Amino acid sequence: MMKKIFCGILIFFGFQGCKSPDNQNAKESTKSLSLPYFGEIVIEPTRDYDTVIKLEDYSISSDLNFYEEVVDCETLSMVELILNDLPTFINKSKEILITDFKKGGAVKDYIEHHLEVMEKSELERLLVNADKNESAEKQLLSFMKVVRIGFYPDEDSHYAIFDFSIGTDETDYRITIRYNNTGNFDSLEFVS
């Protein structure tokens, strides 16, 4: 009996000495870096982050999403580049919207859909400050804004996603513009 107790005590104390350094000094073992708008983020182990980006006349929700437990700084370099040059990426995305609209693509479908399903009073309220010399389609197009920017650093082709809408109160539908991990345009899609 005494032998079993002694073995139990040895095993107990043996496991006490096997704590990983991660558990003993979690603060020392975490790696982090600072990103514009997000502030300090932990990159090892990773977790998801949300923030609100305030621009001159409106706010954009933004999220940073990880699938892997660990990410290196190099993988996040494009996120940092996009955030540091956000107005340029927003303008580039708007140009992509306009080009797709002119080609009769998904943006034109999005605009036509909303012109068909929205009440006349809703449209009038939304377009009250629009240029009345333009067609209703172009007026609605001029009100599309980026409402969300999602980052997926573990993804190559859908690294950054810019969601555009005529307004989150008006519709759940969005035009999604995706950039790859080199910051180049990848795809555009009409989504709900």
N, C-alpha and C. Protein backbone atom coordinates (compact mmCIF):
# COMPACT_ATOMS: atom_id res chain seq x y z
N MET A 1 0.82 -1.18 0.00
CA MET A 1 0.00 0.00 0.00
C MET A 1 0.87 1.25 0.00
N MET A 2 1.89 1.24 0.86
CA MET A 2 2.80 2.37 0.95
C MET A 2 3.52 2.60 -0.38
N LYS A 3 3.83 1.50 -1.08
CA LYS A 3 4.52 1.57 -2.36
C LYS A 3 3.63 2.28 -3.39
N LYS A 4 2.30 2.01 -3.39
CA LYS A 4 1.37 2.63 -4.33
C LYS A 4 1.26 4.13 -4.06
N ILE A 5 1.21 4.50 -2.79
CA ILE A 5 1.12 5.92 -2.43
C ILE A 5 2.38 6.65 -2.88
N PHE A 6 3.54 6.03 -2.62
CA PHE A 6 4.81 6.63 -2.99
C PHE A 6 4.89 6.82 -4.51
N CYS A 7 4.46 5.80 -5.28
CA CYS A 7 4.46 5.89 -6.75
C CYS A 7 3.51 6.98 -7.22
N GLY A 8 2.35 7.08 -6.57
CA GLY A 8 1.39 8.12 -6.92
C GLY A 8 1.96 9.51 -6.70
N ILE A 9 2.67 9.69 -5.59
CA ILE A 9 3.28 10.99 -5.29
C ILE A 9 4.36 11.31 -6.32
N LEU A 10 5.17 10.33 -6.68
CA LEU A 10 6.22 10.54 -7.69
C LEU A 10 5.61 10.93 -9.04
N ILE A 11 4.56 10.22 -9.43
CA ILE A 11 3.90 10.52 -10.70
C ILE A 11 3.33 11.94 -10.67
N PHE A 12 2.66 12.31 -9.57
CA PHE A 12 2.07 13.64 -9.43
C PHE A 12 3.13 14.73 -9.59
N PHE A 13 4.22 14.60 -8.83
CA PHE A 13 5.27 15.62 -8.91
C PHE A 13 6.02 15.56 -10.24
N GLY A 14 6.08 14.39 -10.83
CA GLY A 14 6.70 14.27 -12.14
C GLY A 14 5.95 15.07 -13.19
N PHE A 15 4.61 15.01 -13.15
CA PHE A 15 3.80 15.77 -14.10
C PHE A 15 3.87 17.26 -13.82
N GLN A 16 4.04 17.65 -12.58
CA GLN A 16 4.16 19.07 -12.25
C GLN A 16 5.36 19.70 -12.96
N GLY A 17 6.41 18.94 -13.12
CA GLY A 17 7.60 19.45 -13.79
C GLY A 17 7.50 19.44 -15.29
N CYS A 18 6.42 18.87 -15.84
CA CYS A 18 6.27 18.75 -17.29
C CYS A 18 5.40 19.85 -17.88
N LYS A 19 5.09 20.87 -17.12
CA LYS A 19 4.30 21.97 -17.69
C LYS A 19 5.08 22.60 -18.82
N SER A 20 4.39 22.85 -19.89
CA SER A 20 5.09 23.47 -21.02
C SER A 20 5.36 24.93 -20.71
N PRO A 21 6.40 25.47 -21.29
CA PRO A 21 6.70 26.88 -21.07
C PRO A 21 5.54 27.76 -21.52
N ASP A 22 4.75 27.29 -22.50
CA ASP A 22 3.60 28.07 -22.96
C ASP A 22 2.62 28.29 -21.83
N ASN A 23 2.40 27.27 -21.01
CA ASN A 23 1.45 27.39 -19.90
C ASN A 23 2.04 28.21 -18.76
N GLN A 24 3.34 28.09 -18.53
CA GLN A 24 3.96 28.80 -17.42
C GLN A 24 4.07 30.29 -17.69
N ASN A 25 4.45 30.64 -18.88
CA ASN A 25 4.65 32.05 -19.21
C ASN A 25 3.95 32.37 -20.52
N ALA A 26 2.63 32.27 -20.52
CA ALA A 26 1.86 32.49 -21.75
C ALA A 26 2.15 33.86 -22.34
N LYS A 27 2.35 34.83 -21.48
CA LYS A 27 2.59 36.17 -21.96
C LYS A 27 3.91 36.25 -22.74
N GLU A 28 4.93 35.54 -22.24
CA GLU A 28 6.23 35.56 -22.89
C GLU A 28 6.21 34.80 -24.21
N SER A 29 5.36 33.78 -24.35
CA SER A 29 5.40 32.94 -25.53
C SER A 29 4.50 33.43 -26.66
N THR A 30 3.64 34.40 -26.41
CA THR A 30 2.79 34.90 -27.47
C THR A 30 3.57 35.88 -28.33
N LYS A 31 3.30 35.81 -29.61
CA LYS A 31 3.92 36.74 -30.55
C LYS A 31 2.84 37.66 -31.06
N SER A 32 3.18 38.92 -31.22
CA SER A 32 2.18 39.88 -31.67
C SER A 32 2.81 40.90 -32.60
N LEU A 33 1.95 41.65 -33.26
CA LEU A 33 2.38 42.77 -34.08
C LEU A 33 1.25 43.78 -34.13
N SER A 34 1.56 44.97 -34.56
CA SER A 34 0.57 46.03 -34.62
C SER A 34 0.14 46.26 -36.06
N LEU A 35 -1.17 46.33 -36.27
CA LEU A 35 -1.72 46.61 -37.60
C LEU A 35 -2.56 47.88 -37.53
N PRO A 36 -2.52 48.70 -38.58
CA PRO A 36 -3.38 49.88 -38.59
C PRO A 36 -4.84 49.49 -38.37
N TYR A 37 -5.56 50.29 -37.63
CA TYR A 37 -6.98 50.12 -37.29
C TYR A 37 -7.24 48.99 -36.29
N PHE A 38 -6.50 47.91 -36.35
CA PHE A 38 -6.69 46.78 -35.44
C PHE A 38 -5.88 46.92 -34.16
N GLY A 39 -4.78 47.64 -34.23
CA GLY A 39 -3.89 47.76 -33.08
C GLY A 39 -3.06 46.50 -32.92
N GLU A 40 -2.73 46.19 -31.68
CA GLU A 40 -1.88 45.03 -31.37
C GLU A 40 -2.69 43.74 -31.54
N ILE A 41 -2.17 42.82 -32.35
CA ILE A 41 -2.82 41.52 -32.54
C ILE A 41 -1.84 40.41 -32.22
N VAL A 42 -2.38 39.31 -31.70
CA VAL A 42 -1.57 38.14 -31.37
C VAL A 42 -1.53 37.24 -32.60
N ILE A 43 -0.32 36.87 -33.02
CA ILE A 43 -0.19 36.03 -34.22
C ILE A 43 0.23 34.60 -33.90
N GLU A 44 0.55 34.34 -32.64
CA GLU A 44 0.88 32.98 -32.24
C GLU A 44 0.52 32.80 -30.77
N PRO A 45 -0.55 32.15 -30.43
CA PRO A 45 -1.55 31.55 -31.31
C PRO A 45 -2.50 32.62 -31.85
N THR A 46 -3.04 32.37 -33.03
CA THR A 46 -3.91 33.35 -33.67
C THR A 46 -5.31 33.32 -33.06
N ARG A 47 -6.03 34.40 -33.29
CA ARG A 47 -7.45 34.48 -33.00
C ARG A 47 -8.03 35.50 -33.96
N ASP A 48 -9.34 35.54 -34.10
CA ASP A 48 -9.98 36.47 -35.02
C ASP A 48 -10.17 37.83 -34.35
N TYR A 49 -10.20 38.88 -35.17
CA TYR A 49 -10.34 40.25 -34.68
C TYR A 49 -11.40 40.99 -35.48
N ASP A 50 -12.07 41.93 -34.81
CA ASP A 50 -13.05 42.81 -35.44
C ASP A 50 -12.72 44.24 -35.05
N THR A 51 -12.97 45.16 -35.96
CA THR A 51 -12.79 46.58 -35.65
C THR A 51 -13.71 47.40 -36.54
N VAL A 52 -13.79 48.67 -36.26
CA VAL A 52 -14.53 49.61 -37.10
C VAL A 52 -13.54 50.64 -37.60
N ILE A 53 -13.50 50.79 -38.92
CA ILE A 53 -12.61 51.76 -39.55
C ILE A 53 -13.43 53.01 -39.83
N LYS A 54 -13.03 54.12 -39.25
CA LYS A 54 -13.75 55.37 -39.44
C LYS A 54 -13.08 56.18 -40.54
N LEU A 55 -13.85 56.46 -41.58
CA LEU A 55 -13.38 57.30 -42.66
C LEU A 55 -14.04 58.67 -42.52
N GLU A 56 -13.80 59.56 -43.46
CA GLU A 56 -14.32 60.92 -43.35
C GLU A 56 -15.83 60.98 -43.13
N ASP A 57 -16.58 60.25 -43.95
CA ASP A 57 -18.04 60.40 -43.88
C ASP A 57 -18.81 59.14 -43.47
N TYR A 58 -18.13 58.06 -43.21
CA TYR A 58 -18.82 56.84 -42.77
C TYR A 58 -17.84 55.85 -42.16
N SER A 59 -18.39 54.79 -41.59
CA SER A 59 -17.57 53.76 -40.94
C SER A 59 -17.71 52.43 -41.66
N ILE A 60 -16.65 51.64 -41.61
CA ILE A 60 -16.61 50.33 -42.25
C ILE A 60 -16.27 49.29 -41.19
N SER A 61 -17.06 48.23 -41.13
CA SER A 61 -16.67 47.15 -40.22
C SER A 61 -15.60 46.32 -40.92
N SER A 62 -14.65 45.85 -40.13
CA SER A 62 -13.56 45.07 -40.69
C SER A 62 -13.25 43.91 -39.75
N ASP A 63 -12.85 42.80 -40.35
CA ASP A 63 -12.51 41.63 -39.55
C ASP A 63 -11.27 40.96 -40.12
N LEU A 64 -10.53 40.34 -39.23
CA LEU A 64 -9.30 39.63 -39.56
C LEU A 64 -9.50 38.20 -39.08
N ASN A 65 -9.46 37.25 -40.02
CA ASN A 65 -9.84 35.86 -39.74
C ASN A 65 -8.69 34.91 -40.05
N PHE A 66 -8.46 33.97 -39.14
CA PHE A 66 -7.39 32.99 -39.31
C PHE A 66 -7.96 31.58 -39.24
N TYR A 67 -7.40 30.70 -40.08
CA TYR A 67 -7.75 29.29 -40.03
C TYR A 67 -6.64 28.48 -39.36
N GLU A 68 -5.42 29.00 -39.42
CA GLU A 68 -4.27 28.32 -38.84
C GLU A 68 -4.00 28.86 -37.43
N GLU A 69 -3.32 28.07 -36.62
CA GLU A 69 -2.98 28.46 -35.24
C GLU A 69 -1.86 29.49 -35.19
N VAL A 70 -1.00 29.46 -36.21
CA VAL A 70 0.17 30.33 -36.23
C VAL A 70 0.25 31.00 -37.59
N VAL A 71 0.60 32.27 -37.60
CA VAL A 71 0.81 33.00 -38.85
C VAL A 71 2.08 33.84 -38.68
N ASP A 72 2.83 33.97 -39.76
CA ASP A 72 4.06 34.77 -39.65
C ASP A 72 3.81 36.20 -40.13
N CYS A 73 4.72 37.06 -39.79
CA CYS A 73 4.58 38.48 -40.13
C CYS A 73 4.54 38.70 -41.64
N GLU A 74 5.28 37.89 -42.39
CA GLU A 74 5.30 38.02 -43.84
C GLU A 74 3.91 37.78 -44.44
N THR A 75 3.19 36.81 -43.89
CA THR A 75 1.84 36.51 -44.36
C THR A 75 0.91 37.70 -44.15
N LEU A 76 1.14 38.46 -43.10
CA LEU A 76 0.30 39.62 -42.79
C LEU A 76 0.77 40.91 -43.46
N SER A 77 1.87 40.85 -44.20
CA SER A 77 2.41 42.07 -44.80
C SER A 77 1.43 42.72 -45.77
N MET A 78 0.66 41.92 -46.53
CA MET A 78 -0.30 42.50 -47.47
C MET A 78 -1.48 43.13 -46.73
N VAL A 79 -1.89 42.55 -45.60
CA VAL A 79 -2.95 43.18 -44.79
C VAL A 79 -2.48 44.57 -44.37
N GLU A 80 -1.26 44.65 -43.88
CA GLU A 80 -0.71 45.93 -43.45
C GLU A 80 -0.63 46.92 -44.61
N LEU A 81 -0.19 46.45 -45.78
CA LEU A 81 -0.09 47.30 -46.95
C LEU A 81 -1.47 47.84 -47.35
N ILE A 82 -2.47 46.97 -47.38
CA ILE A 82 -3.83 47.40 -47.74
C ILE A 82 -4.35 48.42 -46.74
N LEU A 83 -4.19 48.14 -45.45
CA LEU A 83 -4.68 49.06 -44.43
C LEU A 83 -3.95 50.40 -44.46
N ASN A 84 -2.65 50.38 -44.73
CA ASN A 84 -1.89 51.63 -44.82
C ASN A 84 -2.27 52.45 -46.04
N ASP A 85 -2.79 51.79 -47.07
CA ASP A 85 -3.16 52.47 -48.31
C ASP A 85 -4.65 52.26 -48.61
N LEU A 86 -5.46 52.25 -47.56
CA LEU A 86 -6.88 51.92 -47.70
C LEU A 86 -7.63 52.79 -48.70
N PRO A 87 -7.48 54.12 -48.70
CA PRO A 87 -8.20 54.93 -49.69
C PRO A 87 -7.91 54.51 -51.13
N THR A 88 -6.67 54.13 -51.42
CA THR A 88 -6.32 53.68 -52.76
C THR A 88 -7.04 52.38 -53.11
N PHE A 89 -7.10 51.44 -52.17
CA PHE A 89 -7.79 50.18 -52.43
C PHE A 89 -9.30 50.38 -52.55
N ILE A 90 -9.86 51.30 -51.79
CA ILE A 90 -11.29 51.58 -51.91
C ILE A 90 -11.57 52.20 -53.27
N ASN A 91 -10.75 53.15 -53.70
CA ASN A 91 -10.94 53.77 -55.02
C ASN A 91 -10.75 52.76 -56.14
N LYS A 92 -9.76 51.89 -56.00
CA LYS A 92 -9.53 50.83 -56.99
C LYS A 92 -10.77 49.93 -57.07
N SER A 93 -11.35 49.61 -55.92
CA SER A 93 -12.54 48.76 -55.88
C SER A 93 -13.73 49.47 -56.53
N LYS A 94 -13.87 50.77 -56.31
CA LYS A 94 -14.96 51.53 -56.94
C LYS A 94 -14.80 51.53 -58.46
N GLU A 95 -13.57 51.66 -58.94
CA GLU A 95 -13.32 51.60 -60.38
C GLU A 95 -13.72 50.24 -60.94
N ILE A 96 -13.43 49.18 -60.20
CA ILE A 96 -13.81 47.83 -60.61
C ILE A 96 -15.33 47.72 -60.68
N LEU A 97 -16.03 48.30 -59.69
CA LEU A 97 -17.50 48.31 -59.69
C LEU A 97 -18.04 48.99 -60.94
N ILE A 98 -17.52 50.17 -61.22
CA ILE A 98 -18.00 50.95 -62.37
C ILE A 98 -17.73 50.22 -63.68
N THR A 99 -16.55 49.65 -63.82
CA THR A 99 -16.20 48.90 -65.03
C THR A 99 -17.14 47.71 -65.22
N ASP A 100 -17.40 46.98 -64.14
CA ASP A 100 -18.30 45.83 -64.21
C ASP A 100 -19.72 46.28 -64.57
N PHE A 101 -20.16 47.39 -64.00
CA PHE A 101 -21.49 47.94 -64.31
C PHE A 101 -21.59 48.26 -65.80
N LYS A 102 -20.58 48.95 -66.34
CA LYS A 102 -20.58 49.34 -67.75
C LYS A 102 -20.58 48.13 -68.67
N LYS A 103 -19.96 47.03 -68.22
CA LYS A 103 -19.92 45.80 -69.03
C LYS A 103 -21.20 44.98 -68.89
N GLY A 104 -22.13 45.43 -68.04
CA GLY A 104 -23.38 44.69 -67.85
C GLY A 104 -23.23 43.46 -66.98
N GLY A 105 -22.27 43.48 -66.07
CA GLY A 105 -21.99 42.32 -65.22
C GLY A 105 -22.82 42.28 -63.95
N ALA A 106 -22.25 41.70 -62.92
CA ALA A 106 -22.95 41.47 -61.64
C ALA A 106 -23.39 42.77 -60.98
N VAL A 107 -22.62 43.85 -61.14
CA VAL A 107 -22.99 45.13 -60.53
C VAL A 107 -24.26 45.66 -61.17
N LYS A 108 -24.37 45.54 -62.48
CA LYS A 108 -25.60 45.97 -63.17
C LYS A 108 -26.78 45.13 -62.69
N ASP A 109 -26.58 43.83 -62.53
CA ASP A 109 -27.65 42.96 -62.01
C ASP A 109 -28.06 43.39 -60.60
N TYR A 110 -27.09 43.73 -59.77
CA TYR A 110 -27.35 44.19 -58.40
C TYR A 110 -28.21 45.46 -58.42
N ILE A 111 -27.81 46.42 -59.24
CA ILE A 111 -28.53 47.70 -59.33
C ILE A 111 -29.95 47.45 -59.86
N GLU A 112 -30.09 46.71 -60.93
CA GLU A 112 -31.41 46.43 -61.52
C GLU A 112 -32.30 45.70 -60.52
N HIS A 113 -31.73 44.75 -59.80
CA HIS A 113 -32.50 44.02 -58.79
C HIS A 113 -33.10 44.98 -57.77
N HIS A 114 -32.29 45.90 -57.27
CA HIS A 114 -32.78 46.82 -56.24
C HIS A 114 -33.75 47.85 -56.80
N LEU A 115 -33.58 48.25 -58.04
CA LEU A 115 -34.55 49.16 -58.65
C LEU A 115 -35.91 48.48 -58.81
N GLU A 116 -35.90 47.17 -59.03
CA GLU A 116 -37.14 46.41 -59.18
C GLU A 116 -37.83 46.13 -57.84
N VAL A 117 -37.07 45.79 -56.81
CA VAL A 117 -37.68 45.33 -55.56
C VAL A 117 -37.90 46.42 -54.51
N MET A 118 -37.20 47.52 -54.61
CA MET A 118 -37.36 48.57 -53.60
C MET A 118 -38.60 49.40 -53.87
N GLU A 119 -39.25 49.80 -52.79
CA GLU A 119 -40.41 50.69 -52.90
C GLU A 119 -39.95 52.04 -53.44
N LYS A 120 -40.85 52.69 -54.16
CA LYS A 120 -40.52 53.99 -54.75
C LYS A 120 -40.11 54.99 -53.66
N SER A 121 -40.80 54.97 -52.53
CA SER A 121 -40.48 55.90 -51.44
C SER A 121 -39.08 55.62 -50.86
N GLU A 122 -38.70 54.34 -50.79
CA GLU A 122 -37.36 53.98 -50.32
C GLU A 122 -36.29 54.52 -51.26
N LEU A 123 -36.52 54.33 -52.56
CA LEU A 123 -35.57 54.82 -53.55
C LEU A 123 -35.44 56.34 -53.51
N GLU A 124 -36.58 57.02 -53.40
CA GLU A 124 -36.55 58.49 -53.34
C GLU A 124 -35.78 58.97 -52.12
N ARG A 125 -35.99 58.33 -50.99
CA ARG A 125 -35.28 58.70 -49.77
C ARG A 125 -33.78 58.45 -49.93
N LEU A 126 -33.43 57.32 -50.51
CA LEU A 126 -32.03 56.95 -50.69
C LEU A 126 -31.33 57.88 -51.69
N LEU A 127 -32.06 58.25 -52.73
CA LEU A 127 -31.45 59.03 -53.82
C LEU A 127 -31.74 60.53 -53.74
N VAL A 128 -32.18 61.00 -52.58
CA VAL A 128 -32.56 62.40 -52.43
C VAL A 128 -31.44 63.36 -52.83
N ASN A 129 -30.20 63.02 -52.59
CA ASN A 129 -29.08 63.89 -52.93
C ASN A 129 -28.35 63.48 -54.21
N ALA A 130 -28.93 62.56 -54.95
CA ALA A 130 -28.29 62.07 -56.17
C ALA A 130 -28.43 63.08 -57.30
N ASP A 131 -27.56 62.95 -58.28
CA ASP A 131 -27.60 63.80 -59.47
C ASP A 131 -28.78 63.37 -60.33
N LYS A 132 -29.80 64.20 -60.37
CA LYS A 132 -31.04 63.86 -61.10
C LYS A 132 -30.85 63.85 -62.61
N ASN A 133 -29.71 64.35 -63.11
CA ASN A 133 -29.42 64.31 -64.54
C ASN A 133 -28.96 62.92 -64.97
N GLU A 134 -28.61 62.08 -64.00
CA GLU A 134 -28.17 60.71 -64.29
C GLU A 134 -29.36 59.76 -64.28
N SER A 135 -29.19 58.60 -64.91
CA SER A 135 -30.23 57.57 -64.88
C SER A 135 -30.38 57.04 -63.45
N ALA A 136 -31.51 56.41 -63.16
CA ALA A 136 -31.73 55.84 -61.83
C ALA A 136 -30.65 54.80 -61.51
N GLU A 137 -30.22 54.05 -62.52
CA GLU A 137 -29.17 53.05 -62.32
C GLU A 137 -27.86 53.71 -61.85
N LYS A 138 -27.46 54.77 -62.56
CA LYS A 138 -26.21 55.45 -62.20
C LYS A 138 -26.33 56.17 -60.86
N GLN A 139 -27.53 56.67 -60.56
CA GLN A 139 -27.73 57.30 -59.25
C GLN A 139 -27.51 56.28 -58.14
N LEU A 140 -28.11 55.11 -58.29
CA LEU A 140 -27.96 54.06 -57.28
C LEU A 140 -26.51 53.58 -57.20
N LEU A 141 -25.87 53.44 -58.34
CA LEU A 141 -24.46 53.04 -58.38
C LEU A 141 -23.60 54.04 -57.60
N SER A 142 -23.91 55.31 -57.70
CA SER A 142 -23.11 56.34 -57.01
C SER A 142 -23.22 56.24 -55.49
N PHE A 143 -24.24 55.55 -54.99
CA PHE A 143 -24.43 55.41 -53.55
C PHE A 143 -23.83 54.13 -52.98
N MET A 144 -23.23 53.32 -53.82
CA MET A 144 -22.61 52.09 -53.31
C MET A 144 -21.33 52.44 -52.55
N LYS A 145 -21.24 51.91 -51.34
CA LYS A 145 -20.07 52.14 -50.49
C LYS A 145 -19.57 50.81 -49.94
N VAL A 146 -18.30 50.80 -49.59
CA VAL A 146 -17.76 49.61 -48.93
C VAL A 146 -18.32 49.59 -47.51
N VAL A 147 -18.93 48.46 -47.13
CA VAL A 147 -19.55 48.33 -45.81
C VAL A 147 -18.80 47.35 -44.91
N ARG A 148 -17.92 46.56 -45.52
CA ARG A 148 -17.14 45.59 -44.75
C ARG A 148 -15.87 45.25 -45.52
N ILE A 149 -14.79 45.08 -44.76
CA ILE A 149 -13.54 44.59 -45.33
C ILE A 149 -13.11 43.40 -44.48
N GLY A 150 -13.05 42.24 -45.11
CA GLY A 150 -12.63 41.04 -44.41
C GLY A 150 -11.27 40.59 -44.90
N PHE A 151 -10.43 40.21 -43.97
CA PHE A 151 -9.09 39.71 -44.32
C PHE A 151 -8.99 38.24 -43.92
N TYR A 152 -8.45 37.44 -44.85
CA TYR A 152 -8.25 36.01 -44.65
C TYR A 152 -6.82 35.68 -45.06
N PRO A 153 -5.84 36.01 -44.21
CA PRO A 153 -4.43 35.84 -44.58
C PRO A 153 -4.02 34.41 -44.93
N ASP A 154 -4.79 33.42 -44.51
CA ASP A 154 -4.46 32.02 -44.83
C ASP A 154 -4.90 31.65 -46.24
N GLU A 155 -5.68 32.51 -46.88
CA GLU A 155 -6.20 32.24 -48.22
C GLU A 155 -5.33 32.95 -49.26
N ASP A 156 -5.09 32.30 -50.37
CA ASP A 156 -4.30 32.94 -51.42
C ASP A 156 -5.15 33.82 -52.33
N SER A 157 -6.30 33.30 -52.79
CA SER A 157 -7.10 34.04 -53.76
C SER A 157 -8.16 34.94 -53.14
N HIS A 158 -8.54 34.68 -51.91
CA HIS A 158 -9.54 35.51 -51.23
C HIS A 158 -8.94 36.11 -49.97
N TYR A 159 -7.82 36.74 -50.14
CA TYR A 159 -7.02 37.29 -49.04
C TYR A 159 -7.72 38.49 -48.40
N ALA A 160 -8.23 39.39 -49.24
CA ALA A 160 -8.95 40.57 -48.76
C ALA A 160 -10.27 40.67 -49.52
N ILE A 161 -11.35 40.90 -48.78
CA ILE A 161 -12.68 40.96 -49.38
C ILE A 161 -13.31 42.30 -49.03
N PHE A 162 -13.69 43.05 -50.06
CA PHE A 162 -14.36 44.33 -49.89
C PHE A 162 -15.83 44.14 -50.27
N ASP A 163 -16.72 44.30 -49.30
CA ASP A 163 -18.16 44.16 -49.55
C ASP A 163 -18.76 45.55 -49.77
N PHE A 164 -19.40 45.72 -50.92
CA PHE A 164 -20.06 46.98 -51.26
C PHE A 164 -21.57 46.80 -51.21
N SER A 165 -22.27 47.88 -50.83
CA SER A 165 -23.73 47.83 -50.73
C SER A 165 -24.28 49.24 -50.92
N ILE A 166 -25.57 49.30 -51.26
CA ILE A 166 -26.25 50.60 -51.29
C ILE A 166 -26.63 51.02 -49.88
N GLY A 167 -26.51 50.10 -48.93
CA GLY A 167 -26.78 50.39 -47.53
C GLY A 167 -27.21 49.13 -46.80
N THR A 168 -26.67 48.92 -45.62
CA THR A 168 -27.00 47.71 -44.86
C THR A 168 -28.42 47.76 -44.31
N ASP A 169 -29.00 48.95 -44.19
CA ASP A 169 -30.40 49.06 -43.75
C ASP A 169 -31.35 48.76 -44.90
N GLU A 170 -30.89 48.96 -46.12
CA GLU A 170 -31.75 48.79 -47.29
C GLU A 170 -31.74 47.37 -47.84
N THR A 171 -30.63 46.65 -47.67
CA THR A 171 -30.51 45.33 -48.30
C THR A 171 -29.48 44.46 -47.60
N ASP A 172 -29.65 43.15 -47.76
CA ASP A 172 -28.64 42.19 -47.29
C ASP A 172 -27.71 41.79 -48.43
N TYR A 173 -28.07 42.17 -49.66
CA TYR A 173 -27.26 41.81 -50.83
C TYR A 173 -26.03 42.71 -50.92
N ARG A 174 -24.96 42.13 -51.42
CA ARG A 174 -23.70 42.87 -51.54
C ARG A 174 -22.97 42.49 -52.82
N ILE A 175 -22.11 43.38 -53.22
CA ILE A 175 -21.14 43.06 -54.26
C ILE A 175 -19.82 42.84 -53.54
N THR A 176 -19.25 41.69 -53.73
CA THR A 176 -18.00 41.32 -53.07
C THR A 176 -16.85 41.38 -54.07
N ILE A 177 -15.85 42.17 -53.73
CA ILE A 177 -14.64 42.27 -54.55
C ILE A 177 -13.51 41.61 -53.76
N ARG A 178 -12.87 40.64 -54.40
CA ARG A 178 -11.82 39.88 -53.72
C ARG A 178 -10.45 40.21 -54.32
N TYR A 179 -9.48 40.34 -53.41
CA TYR A 179 -8.09 40.55 -53.79
C TYR A 179 -7.27 39.35 -53.32
N ASN A 180 -6.25 39.00 -54.10
CA ASN A 180 -5.41 37.87 -53.72
C ASN A 180 -4.29 38.30 -52.78
N ASN A 181 -3.42 37.37 -52.43
CA ASN A 181 -2.38 37.66 -51.44
C ASN A 181 -1.25 38.54 -51.97
N THR A 182 -1.33 38.95 -53.23
CA THR A 182 -0.37 39.93 -53.75
C THR A 182 -1.02 41.30 -53.92
N GLY A 183 -2.30 41.41 -53.52
CA GLY A 183 -3.01 42.68 -53.60
C GLY A 183 -3.65 42.95 -54.94
N ASN A 184 -3.66 41.95 -55.82
CA ASN A 184 -4.28 42.11 -57.13
C ASN A 184 -5.73 41.65 -57.11
N PHE A 185 -6.55 42.29 -57.93
CA PHE A 185 -7.96 41.93 -58.05
C PHE A 185 -8.08 40.48 -58.47
N ASP A 186 -8.98 39.75 -57.80
CA ASP A 186 -9.19 38.33 -58.10
C ASP A 186 -10.57 38.08 -58.71
N SER A 187 -11.64 38.57 -58.05
CA SER A 187 -12.98 38.29 -58.55
C SER A 187 -13.99 39.27 -57.98
N LEU A 188 -15.15 39.29 -58.61
CA LEU A 188 -16.28 40.12 -58.18
C LEU A 188 -17.52 39.24 -58.21
N GLU A 189 -18.37 39.37 -57.20
CA GLU A 189 -19.54 38.50 -57.11
C GLU A 189 -20.70 39.23 -56.44
N PHE A 190 -21.91 38.95 -56.88
CA PHE A 190 -23.16 39.44 -56.30
C PHE A 190 -23.59 38.39 -55.28
N VAL A 191 -23.59 38.73 -53.99
CA VAL A 191 -23.89 37.75 -52.94
C VAL A 191 -24.96 38.27 -51.99
N SER A 192 -25.55 37.34 -51.24
CA SER A 192 -26.53 37.75 -50.22
C SER A 192 -26.04 37.36 -48.85
